[in-house]
Structures are given as structure tokens and as C-alpha cells.
Amino acid sequence: MVARQTIAEFLAAEAEEAELHRDDPPGPMFRSKHPSIDPSHVYSVRIPVAKLEQLRLLAIEAGISQSELIRQWTLERLDATTQGHHTAGNE
């Protein structure tokens, strides 16, 4: 037989979970009504579970979401790599 939670138990569990994550950066709150000048594409990336906690802590320290940190690092690396190729070709 499956035990059913009362509404009070459910709300207490939700409140406890919310308190555990109250300092996490908030997610997006709205969508822009204006189209993006430089549209983005969502891409799924696999990250080892062992590294996710490090990523979460670094994102909190930076005051941004985990996905924003991943995006930032990826774009920085892409820019650095591209600039490196342009520099090498000019020699």
C-alpha cells in the first residue's frame, strides 16, 4: 500500500527544499518580446557528475547560473582559440 502525503506534509517538504536552495541564483524570470540580434541554439552537453558540484559552487561564487558559467567558459575558449589561429596566420 502506498502512503499518501497530506497537503501540509507536502508543503512542509517543499518549504524545506526551498530553504536548502534559497541562495542559489534564480533562473530566468521572463522572456523578451524582442527577437535576439544574435540568436542562440540550445545544445546538450554531458558533464561528469563528480564535476557538477564544483561547477555549482563556482557558479554561486560568480553569482550566475551554472548554464551561464558553462556558456561563458565555452565562448571565452572559442574566442581565445580563434584569436590564436588568427595570430599564427599573421606571422
PDB file of N, CA and C in Angstrom:
ATOM      1  N   MET A   1       0.836  -1.176   0.000  1.00  0.00           N
ATOM      2  CA  MET A   1       0.000   0.000   0.000  1.00  0.00           C
ATOM      3  C   MET A   1       0.889   1.250   0.000  1.00  0.00           C
ATOM      4  N   VAL A   2       0.551   2.250  -0.837  1.00  0.00           N
ATOM      5  CA  VAL A   2       1.326   3.469  -0.974  1.00  0.00           C
ATOM      6  C   VAL A   2       0.820   4.504   0.023  1.00  0.00           C
ATOM      7  N   ALA A   3       1.741   5.078   0.793  1.00  0.00           N
ATOM      8  CA  ALA A   3       1.368   6.119   1.759  1.00  0.00           C
ATOM      9  C   ALA A   3       1.142   7.422   1.010  1.00  0.00           C
ATOM     10  N   ARG A   4       0.075   8.122   1.349  1.00  0.00           N
ATOM     11  CA  ARG A   4      -0.234   9.405   0.711  1.00  0.00           C
ATOM     12  C   ARG A   4       0.148  10.542   1.646  1.00  0.00           C
ATOM     13  N   GLN A   5       0.762  11.557   1.075  1.00  0.00           N
ATOM     14  CA  GLN A   5       1.120  12.741   1.851  1.00  0.00           C
ATOM     15  C   GLN A   5      -0.108  13.644   2.008  1.00  0.00           C
ATOM     16  N   THR A   6      -0.200  14.277   3.141  1.00  0.00           N
ATOM     17  CA  THR A   6      -1.222  15.313   3.290  1.00  0.00           C
ATOM     18  C   THR A   6      -0.680  16.577   2.638  1.00  0.00           C
ATOM     19  N   ILE A   7      -1.559  17.515   2.388  1.00  0.00           N
ATOM     20  CA  ILE A   7      -1.124  18.788   1.802  1.00  0.00           C
ATOM     21  C   ILE A   7      -0.119  19.473   2.723  1.00  0.00           C
ATOM     22  N   ALA A   8      -0.359  19.417   4.016  1.00  0.00           N
ATOM     23  CA  ALA A   8       0.554  20.043   4.977  1.00  0.00           C
ATOM     24  C   ALA A   8       1.939  19.402   4.910  1.00  0.00           C
ATOM     25  N   GLU A   9       1.989  18.069   4.800  1.00  0.00           N
ATOM     26  CA  GLU A   9       3.286  17.380   4.689  1.00  0.00           C
ATOM     27  C   GLU A   9       3.987  17.759   3.390  1.00  0.00           C
ATOM     28  N   PHE A  10       3.225  17.816   2.314  1.00  0.00           N
ATOM     29  CA  PHE A  10       3.787  18.184   1.019  1.00  0.00           C
ATOM     30  C   PHE A  10       4.362  19.602   1.077  1.00  0.00           C
ATOM     31  N   LEU A  11       3.604  20.538   1.618  1.00  0.00           N
ATOM     32  CA  LEU A  11       4.070  21.926   1.709  1.00  0.00           C
ATOM     33  C   LEU A  11       5.285  22.052   2.625  1.00  0.00           C
ATOM     34  N   ALA A  12       5.320  21.284   3.705  1.00  0.00           N
ATOM     35  CA  ALA A  12       6.474  21.311   4.612  1.00  0.00           C
ATOM     36  C   ALA A  12       7.726  20.807   3.895  1.00  0.00           C
ATOM     37  N   ALA A  13       7.579  19.750   3.105  1.00  0.00           N
ATOM     38  CA  ALA A  13       8.715  19.208   2.348  1.00  0.00           C
ATOM     39  C   ALA A  13       9.183  20.212   1.294  1.00  0.00           C
ATOM     40  N   GLU A  14       8.237  20.872   0.621  1.00  0.00           N
ATOM     41  CA  GLU A  14       8.591  21.874  -0.389  1.00  0.00           C
ATOM     42  C   GLU A  14       9.307  23.063   0.255  1.00  0.00           C
ATOM     43  N   ALA A  15       8.837  23.487   1.412  1.00  0.00           N
ATOM     44  CA  ALA A  15       9.458  24.609   2.118  1.00  0.00           C
ATOM     45  C   ALA A  15      10.891  24.263   2.535  1.00  0.00           C
ATOM     46  N   GLU A  16      11.071  23.047   3.014  1.00  0.00           N
ATOM     47  CA  GLU A  16      12.409  22.603   3.415  1.00  0.00           C
ATOM     48  C   GLU A  16      13.348  22.580   2.211  1.00  0.00           C
ATOM     49  N   GLU A  17      12.871  22.069   1.079  1.00  0.00           N
ATOM     50  CA  GLU A  17      13.673  22.027  -0.149  1.00  0.00           C
ATOM     51  C   GLU A  17      14.014  23.445  -0.612  1.00  0.00           C
ATOM     52  N   ALA A  18      13.042  24.347  -0.547  1.00  0.00           N
ATOM     53  CA  ALA A  18      13.274  25.737  -0.958  1.00  0.00           C
ATOM     54  C   ALA A  18      14.328  26.391  -0.075  1.00  0.00           C
ATOM     55  N   GLU A  19      14.296  26.115   1.216  1.00  0.00           N
ATOM     56  CA  GLU A  19      15.289  26.678   2.128  1.00  0.00           C
ATOM     57  C   GLU A  19      16.698  26.183   1.815  1.00  0.00           C
ATOM     58  N   LEU A  20      16.805  24.918   1.417  1.00  0.00           N
ATOM     59  CA  LEU A  20      18.114  24.362   1.067  1.00  0.00           C
ATOM     60  C   LEU A  20      18.728  25.080  -0.128  1.00  0.00           C
ATOM     61  N   HIS A  21      17.886  25.578  -1.023  1.00  0.00           N
ATOM     62  CA  HIS A  21      18.371  26.195  -2.270  1.00  0.00           C
ATOM     63  C   HIS A  21      18.092  27.695  -2.338  1.00  0.00           C
ATOM     64  N   ARG A  22      17.832  28.314  -1.198  1.00  0.00           N
ATOM     65  CA  ARG A  22      17.439  29.718  -1.218  1.00  0.00           C
ATOM     66  C   ARG A  22      18.540  30.656  -1.696  1.00  0.00           C
ATOM     67  N   ASP A  23      19.805  30.256  -1.587  1.00  0.00           N
ATOM     68  CA  ASP A  23      20.911  31.106  -2.031  1.00  0.00           C
ATOM     69  C   ASP A  23      21.353  30.799  -3.458  1.00  0.00           C
ATOM     70  N   ASP A  24      20.730  29.815  -4.088  1.00  0.00           N
ATOM     71  CA  ASP A  24      21.053  29.506  -5.481  1.00  0.00           C
ATOM     72  C   ASP A  24      20.637  30.676  -6.361  1.00  0.00           C
ATOM     73  N   PRO A  25      21.386  30.915  -7.435  1.00  0.00           N
ATOM     74  CA  PRO A  25      20.989  32.008  -8.324  1.00  0.00           C
ATOM     75  C   PRO A  25      19.625  31.708  -8.952  1.00  0.00           C
ATOM     76  N   PRO A  26      18.806  32.732  -9.127  1.00  0.00           N
ATOM     77  CA  PRO A  26      17.491  32.498  -9.716  1.00  0.00           C
ATOM     78  C   PRO A  26      17.593  32.183 -11.200  1.00  0.00           C
ATOM     79  N   GLY A  27      16.636  31.467 -11.690  1.00  0.00           N
ATOM     80  CA  GLY A  27      16.571  31.174 -13.118  1.00  0.00           C
ATOM     81  C   GLY A  27      15.971  32.360 -13.844  1.00  0.00           C
ATOM     82  N   PRO A  28      15.789  32.224 -15.149  1.00  0.00           N
ATOM     83  CA  PRO A  28      15.209  33.332 -15.913  1.00  0.00           C
ATOM     84  C   PRO A  28      13.784  33.627 -15.433  1.00  0.00           C
ATOM     85  N   MET A  29      13.449  34.890 -15.365  1.00  0.00           N
ATOM     86  CA  MET A  29      12.152  35.297 -14.852  1.00  0.00           C
ATOM     87  C   MET A  29      11.159  35.661 -15.959  1.00  0.00           C
ATOM     88  N   PHE A  30      11.637  35.948 -17.154  1.00  0.00           N
ATOM     89  CA  PHE A  30      10.741  36.349 -18.229  1.00  0.00           C
ATOM     90  C   PHE A  30      11.416  36.107 -19.568  1.00  0.00           C
ATOM     91  N   ARG A  31      10.629  36.165 -20.602  1.00  0.00           N
ATOM     92  CA  ARG A  31      11.148  36.075 -21.967  1.00  0.00           C
ATOM     93  C   ARG A  31      11.017  37.436 -22.622  1.00  0.00           C
ATOM     94  N   SER A  32      12.007  37.805 -23.376  1.00  0.00           N
ATOM     95  CA  SER A  32      11.977  39.078 -24.082  1.00  0.00           C
ATOM     96  C   SER A  32      10.953  39.018 -25.221  1.00  0.00           C
ATOM     97  N   LYS A  33      10.272  40.113 -25.444  1.00  0.00           N
ATOM     98  CA  LYS A  33       9.316  40.189 -26.543  1.00  0.00           C
ATOM     99  C   LYS A  33      10.003  40.562 -27.848  1.00  0.00           C
ATOM    100  N   HIS A  34      11.268  40.954 -27.751  1.00  0.00           N
ATOM    101  CA  HIS A  34      12.012  41.364 -28.937  1.00  0.00           C
ATOM    102  C   HIS A  34      12.932  40.237 -29.389  1.00  0.00           C
ATOM    103  N   PRO A  35      13.007  39.990 -30.690  1.00  0.00           N
ATOM    104  CA  PRO A  35      13.895  38.921 -31.167  1.00  0.00           C
ATOM    105  C   PRO A  35      15.361  39.268 -30.900  1.00  0.00           C
ATOM    106  N   SER A  36      16.135  38.247 -30.653  1.00  0.00           N
ATOM    107  CA  SER A  36      17.559  38.424 -30.363  1.00  0.00           C
ATOM    108  C   SER A  36      18.310  38.861 -31.621  1.00  0.00           C
ATOM    109  N   ILE A  37      19.273  39.741 -31.432  1.00  0.00           N
ATOM    110  CA  ILE A  37      20.125  40.177 -32.542  1.00  0.00           C
ATOM    111  C   ILE A  37      21.030  39.023 -32.968  1.00  0.00           C
ATOM    112  N   ASP A  38      21.493  38.263 -31.993  1.00  0.00           N
ATOM    113  CA  ASP A  38      22.364  37.116 -32.257  1.00  0.00           C
ATOM    114  C   ASP A  38      21.702  35.883 -31.650  1.00  0.00           C
ATOM    115  N   PRO A  39      20.794  35.226 -32.386  1.00  0.00           N
ATOM    116  CA  PRO A  39      20.049  34.095 -31.814  1.00  0.00           C
ATOM    117  C   PRO A  39      20.969  32.975 -31.338  1.00  0.00           C
ATOM    118  N   SER A  40      20.497  32.261 -30.338  1.00  0.00           N
ATOM    119  CA  SER A  40      21.254  31.154 -29.757  1.00  0.00           C
ATOM    120  C   SER A  40      20.570  29.837 -30.075  1.00  0.00           C
ATOM    121  N   HIS A  41      21.305  28.766 -29.887  1.00  0.00           N
ATOM    122  CA  HIS A  41      20.789  27.418 -30.075  1.00  0.00           C
ATOM    123  C   HIS A  41      21.086  26.630 -28.810  1.00  0.00           C
ATOM    124  N   VAL A  42      20.125  25.882 -28.337  1.00  0.00           N
ATOM    125  CA  VAL A  42      20.327  25.063 -27.136  1.00  0.00           C
ATOM    126  C   VAL A  42      21.070  23.805 -27.543  1.00  0.00           C
ATOM    127  N   TYR A  43      22.094  23.467 -26.762  1.00  0.00           N
ATOM    128  CA  TYR A  43      22.925  22.307 -27.057  1.00  0.00           C
ATOM    129  C   TYR A  43      23.127  21.527 -25.767  1.00  0.00           C
ATOM    130  N   SER A  44      22.904  20.248 -25.806  1.00  0.00           N
ATOM    131  CA  SER A  44      23.046  19.400 -24.626  1.00  0.00           C
ATOM    132  C   SER A  44      24.491  18.931 -24.487  1.00  0.00           C
ATOM    133  N   VAL A  45      25.030  19.052 -23.277  1.00  0.00           N
ATOM    134  CA  VAL A  45      26.415  18.662 -23.015  1.00  0.00           C
ATOM    135  C   VAL A  45      26.448  17.727 -21.814  1.00  0.00           C
ATOM    136  N   ARG A  46      27.164  16.640 -21.925  1.00  0.00           N
ATOM    137  CA  ARG A  46      27.306  15.718 -20.797  1.00  0.00           C
ATOM    138  C   ARG A  46      28.498  16.145 -19.947  1.00  0.00           C
ATOM    139  N   ILE A  47      28.251  16.244 -18.647  1.00  0.00           N
ATOM    140  CA  ILE A  47      29.291  16.637 -17.699  1.00  0.00           C
ATOM    141  C   ILE A  47      29.319  15.572 -16.606  1.00  0.00           C
ATOM    142  N   PRO A  48      30.493  15.059 -16.277  1.00  0.00           N
ATOM    143  CA  PRO A  48      30.572  14.034 -15.231  1.00  0.00           C
ATOM    144  C   PRO A  48      29.957  14.530 -13.922  1.00  0.00           C
ATOM    145  N   VAL A  49      29.189  13.669 -13.286  1.00  0.00           N
ATOM    146  CA  VAL A  49      28.508  14.010 -12.039  1.00  0.00           C
ATOM    147  C   VAL A  49      29.499  14.509 -10.996  1.00  0.00           C
ATOM    148  N   ALA A  50      30.676  13.928 -10.968  1.00  0.00           N
ATOM    149  CA  ALA A  50      31.687  14.321  -9.989  1.00  0.00           C
ATOM    150  C   ALA A  50      32.092  15.797 -10.154  1.00  0.00           C
ATOM    151  N   LYS A  51      31.941  16.357 -11.337  1.00  0.00           N
ATOM    152  CA  LYS A  51      32.329  17.748 -11.591  1.00  0.00           C
ATOM    153  C   LYS A  51      31.179  18.731 -11.385  1.00  0.00           C
ATOM    154  N   LEU A  52      29.946  18.242 -11.313  1.00  0.00           N
ATOM    155  CA  LEU A  52      28.797  19.135 -11.209  1.00  0.00           C
ATOM    156  C   LEU A  52      28.789  19.951  -9.920  1.00  0.00           C
ATOM    157  N   GLU A  53      29.208  19.372  -8.821  1.00  0.00           N
ATOM    158  CA  GLU A  53      29.232  20.119  -7.562  1.00  0.00           C
ATOM    159  C   GLU A  53      30.258  21.240  -7.641  1.00  0.00           C
ATOM    160  N   GLN A  54      31.416  20.978  -8.238  1.00  0.00           N
ATOM    161  CA  GLN A  54      32.418  22.033  -8.414  1.00  0.00           C
ATOM    162  C   GLN A  54      31.840  23.157  -9.274  1.00  0.00           C
ATOM    163  N   LEU A  55      31.171  22.781 -10.335  1.00  0.00           N
ATOM    164  CA  LEU A  55      30.565  23.756 -11.234  1.00  0.00           C
ATOM    165  C   LEU A  55      29.516  24.585 -10.504  1.00  0.00           C
ATOM    166  N   ARG A  56      28.674  23.926  -9.722  1.00  0.00           N
ATOM    167  CA  ARG A  56      27.626  24.622  -8.980  1.00  0.00           C
ATOM    168  C   ARG A  56      28.230  25.647  -8.011  1.00  0.00           C
ATOM    169  N   LEU A  57      29.270  25.234  -7.290  1.00  0.00           N
ATOM    170  CA  LEU A  57      29.902  26.131  -6.319  1.00  0.00           C
ATOM    171  C   LEU A  57      30.574  27.327  -7.006  1.00  0.00           C
ATOM    172  N   LEU A  58      31.237  27.085  -8.122  1.00  0.00           N
ATOM    173  CA  LEU A  58      31.877  28.175  -8.863  1.00  0.00           C
ATOM    174  C   LEU A  58      30.843  29.141  -9.422  1.00  0.00           C
ATOM    175  N   ALA A  59      29.722  28.626  -9.870  1.00  0.00           N
ATOM    176  CA  ALA A  59      28.652  29.488 -10.392  1.00  0.00           C
ATOM    177  C   ALA A  59      28.074  30.349  -9.280  1.00  0.00           C
ATOM    178  N   ILE A  60      27.843  29.757  -8.113  1.00  0.00           N
ATOM    179  CA  ILE A  60      27.330  30.525  -6.971  1.00  0.00           C
ATOM    180  C   ILE A  60      28.328  31.613  -6.599  1.00  0.00           C
ATOM    181  N   GLU A  61      29.607  31.257  -6.561  1.00  0.00           N
ATOM    182  CA  GLU A  61      30.656  32.226  -6.226  1.00  0.00           C
ATOM    183  C   GLU A  61      30.674  33.390  -7.222  1.00  0.00           C
ATOM    184  N   ALA A  62      30.414  33.081  -8.494  1.00  0.00           N
ATOM    185  CA  ALA A  62      30.394  34.112  -9.534  1.00  0.00           C
ATOM    186  C   ALA A  62      29.060  34.861  -9.584  1.00  0.00           C
ATOM    187  N   GLY A  63      28.057  34.343  -8.870  1.00  0.00           N
ATOM    188  CA  GLY A  63      26.754  34.994  -8.860  1.00  0.00           C
ATOM    189  C   GLY A  63      25.952  34.787 -10.127  1.00  0.00           C
ATOM    190  N   ILE A  64      26.209  33.668 -10.816  1.00  0.00           N
ATOM    191  CA  ILE A  64      25.496  33.368 -12.055  1.00  0.00           C
ATOM    192  C   ILE A  64      25.011  31.922 -12.033  1.00  0.00           C
ATOM    193  N   SER A  65      24.181  31.560 -12.994  1.00  0.00           N
ATOM    194  CA  SER A  65      23.686  30.189 -13.070  1.00  0.00           C
ATOM    195  C   SER A  65      24.768  29.268 -13.634  1.00  0.00           C
ATOM    196  N   GLN A  66      24.581  27.981 -13.420  1.00  0.00           N
ATOM    197  CA  GLN A  66      25.530  27.002 -13.939  1.00  0.00           C
ATOM    198  C   GLN A  66      25.590  27.055 -15.458  1.00  0.00           C
ATOM    199  N   SER A  67      24.444  27.162 -16.108  1.00  0.00           N
ATOM    200  CA  SER A  67      24.439  27.189 -17.567  1.00  0.00           C
ATOM    201  C   SER A  67      25.120  28.448 -18.097  1.00  0.00           C
ATOM    202  N   GLU A  68      24.951  29.568 -17.389  1.00  0.00           N
ATOM    203  CA  GLU A  68      25.620  30.793 -17.809  1.00  0.00           C
ATOM    204  C   GLU A  68      27.137  30.653 -17.676  1.00  0.00           C
ATOM    205  N   LEU A  69      27.595  30.008 -16.619  1.00  0.00           N
ATOM    206  CA  LEU A  69      29.033  29.789 -16.436  1.00  0.00           C
ATOM    207  C   LEU A  69      29.589  28.896 -17.544  1.00  0.00           C
ATOM    208  N   ILE A  70      28.879  27.825 -17.861  1.00  0.00           N
ATOM    209  CA  ILE A  70      29.309  26.930 -18.944  1.00  0.00           C
ATOM    210  C   ILE A  70      29.369  27.702 -20.262  1.00  0.00           C
ATOM    211  N   ARG A  71      28.340  28.498 -20.535  1.00  0.00           N
ATOM    212  CA  ARG A  71      28.291  29.286 -21.771  1.00  0.00           C
ATOM    213  C   ARG A  71      29.448  30.273 -21.819  1.00  0.00           C
ATOM    214  N   GLN A  72      29.698  30.969 -20.698  1.00  0.00           N
ATOM    215  CA  GLN A  72      30.781  31.943 -20.621  1.00  0.00           C
ATOM    216  C   GLN A  72      32.126  31.288 -20.926  1.00  0.00           C
ATOM    217  N   TRP A  73      32.392  30.170 -20.241  1.00  0.00           N
ATOM    218  CA  TRP A  73      33.671  29.479 -20.444  1.00  0.00           C
ATOM    219  C   TRP A  73      33.825  28.992 -21.884  1.00  0.00           C
ATOM    220  N   THR A  74      32.767  28.462 -22.447  1.00  0.00           N
ATOM    221  CA  THR A  74      32.822  27.951 -23.814  1.00  0.00           C
ATOM    222  C   THR A  74      33.122  29.078 -24.798  1.00  0.00           C
ATOM    223  N   LEU A  75      32.413  30.201 -24.656  1.00  0.00           N
ATOM    224  CA  LEU A  75      32.638  31.320 -25.571  1.00  0.00           C
ATOM    225  C   LEU A  75      34.024  31.932 -25.392  1.00  0.00           C
ATOM    226  N   GLU A  76      34.492  32.023 -24.144  1.00  0.00           N
ATOM    227  CA  GLU A  76      35.847  32.539 -23.905  1.00  0.00           C
ATOM    228  C   GLU A  76      36.894  31.645 -24.562  1.00  0.00           C
ATOM    229  N   ARG A  77      36.728  30.340 -24.420  1.00  0.00           N
ATOM    230  CA  ARG A  77      37.682  29.392 -25.017  1.00  0.00           C
ATOM    231  C   ARG A  77      37.643  29.456 -26.537  1.00  0.00           C
ATOM    232  N   LEU A  78      36.427  29.570 -27.095  1.00  0.00           N
ATOM    233  CA  LEU A  78      36.276  29.685 -28.538  1.00  0.00           C
ATOM    234  C   LEU A  78      36.951  30.951 -29.050  1.00  0.00           C
ATOM    235  N   ASP A  79      36.726  32.072 -28.376  1.00  0.00           N
ATOM    236  CA  ASP A  79      37.367  33.332 -28.771  1.00  0.00           C
ATOM    237  C   ASP A  79      38.884  33.235 -28.683  1.00  0.00           C
ATOM    238  N   ALA A  80      39.387  32.664 -27.595  1.00  0.00           N
ATOM    239  CA  ALA A  80      40.838  32.538 -27.419  1.00  0.00           C
ATOM    240  C   ALA A  80      41.448  31.642 -28.500  1.00  0.00           C
ATOM    241  N   THR A  81      40.763  30.550 -28.815  1.00  0.00           N
ATOM    242  CA  THR A  81      41.260  29.631 -29.842  1.00  0.00           C
ATOM    243  C   THR A  81      41.241  30.297 -31.210  1.00  0.00           C
ATOM    244  N   THR A  82      40.172  31.008 -31.517  1.00  0.00           N
ATOM    245  CA  THR A  82      40.048  31.699 -32.801  1.00  0.00           C
ATOM    246  C   THR A  82      41.102  32.779 -32.916  1.00  0.00           C
ATOM    247  N   GLN A  83      41.326  33.562 -31.862  1.00  0.00           N
ATOM    248  CA  GLN A  83      42.332  34.612 -31.882  1.00  0.00           C
ATOM    249  C   GLN A  83      43.720  34.016 -32.044  1.00  0.00           C
ATOM    250  N   GLY A  84      43.951  32.865 -31.448  1.00  0.00           N
ATOM    251  CA  GLY A  84      45.239  32.185 -31.568  1.00  0.00           C
ATOM    252  C   GLY A  84      45.523  31.783 -33.007  1.00  0.00           C
ATOM    253  N   HIS A  85      44.496  31.333 -33.727  1.00  0.00           N
ATOM    254  CA  HIS A  85      44.676  30.957 -35.143  1.00  0.00           C
ATOM    255  C   HIS A  85      44.926  32.167 -36.018  1.00  0.00           C
ATOM    256  N   HIS A  86      44.255  33.277 -35.723  1.00  0.00           N
ATOM    257  CA  HIS A  86      44.481  34.493 -36.496  1.00  0.00           C
ATOM    258  C   HIS A  86      45.889  35.023 -36.281  1.00  0.00           C
ATOM    259  N   THR A  87      46.363  34.949 -35.038  1.00  0.00           N
ATOM    260  CA  THR A  87      47.717  35.412 -34.712  1.00  0.00           C
ATOM    261  C   THR A  87      48.741  34.536 -35.412  1.00  0.00           C
ATOM    262  N   ALA A  88      48.554  33.218 -35.384  1.00  0.00           N
ATOM    263  CA  ALA A  88      49.511  32.291 -36.000  1.00  0.00           C
ATOM    264  C   ALA A  88      49.559  32.493 -37.502  1.00  0.00           C
ATOM    265  N   GLY A  89      48.445  32.826 -38.133  1.00  0.00           N
ATOM    266  CA  GLY A  89      48.397  33.010 -39.582  1.00  0.00           C
ATOM    267  C   GLY A  89      49.030  34.301 -40.029  1.00  0.00           C
ATOM    268  N   ASN A  90      49.194  35.271 -39.132  1.00  0.00           N
ATOM    269  CA  ASN A  90      49.761  36.572 -39.484  1.00  0.00           C
ATOM    270  C   ASN A  90      51.272  36.594 -39.391  1.00  0.00           C
ATOM    271  N   GLU A  91      51.882  35.546 -38.913  1.00  0.00           N
ATOM    272  CA  GLU A  91      53.350  35.537 -38.739  1.00  0.00           C
ATOM    273  C   GLU A  91      54.043  35.148 -40.008  1.00  0.00           C
TER     274      GLU A  91
END
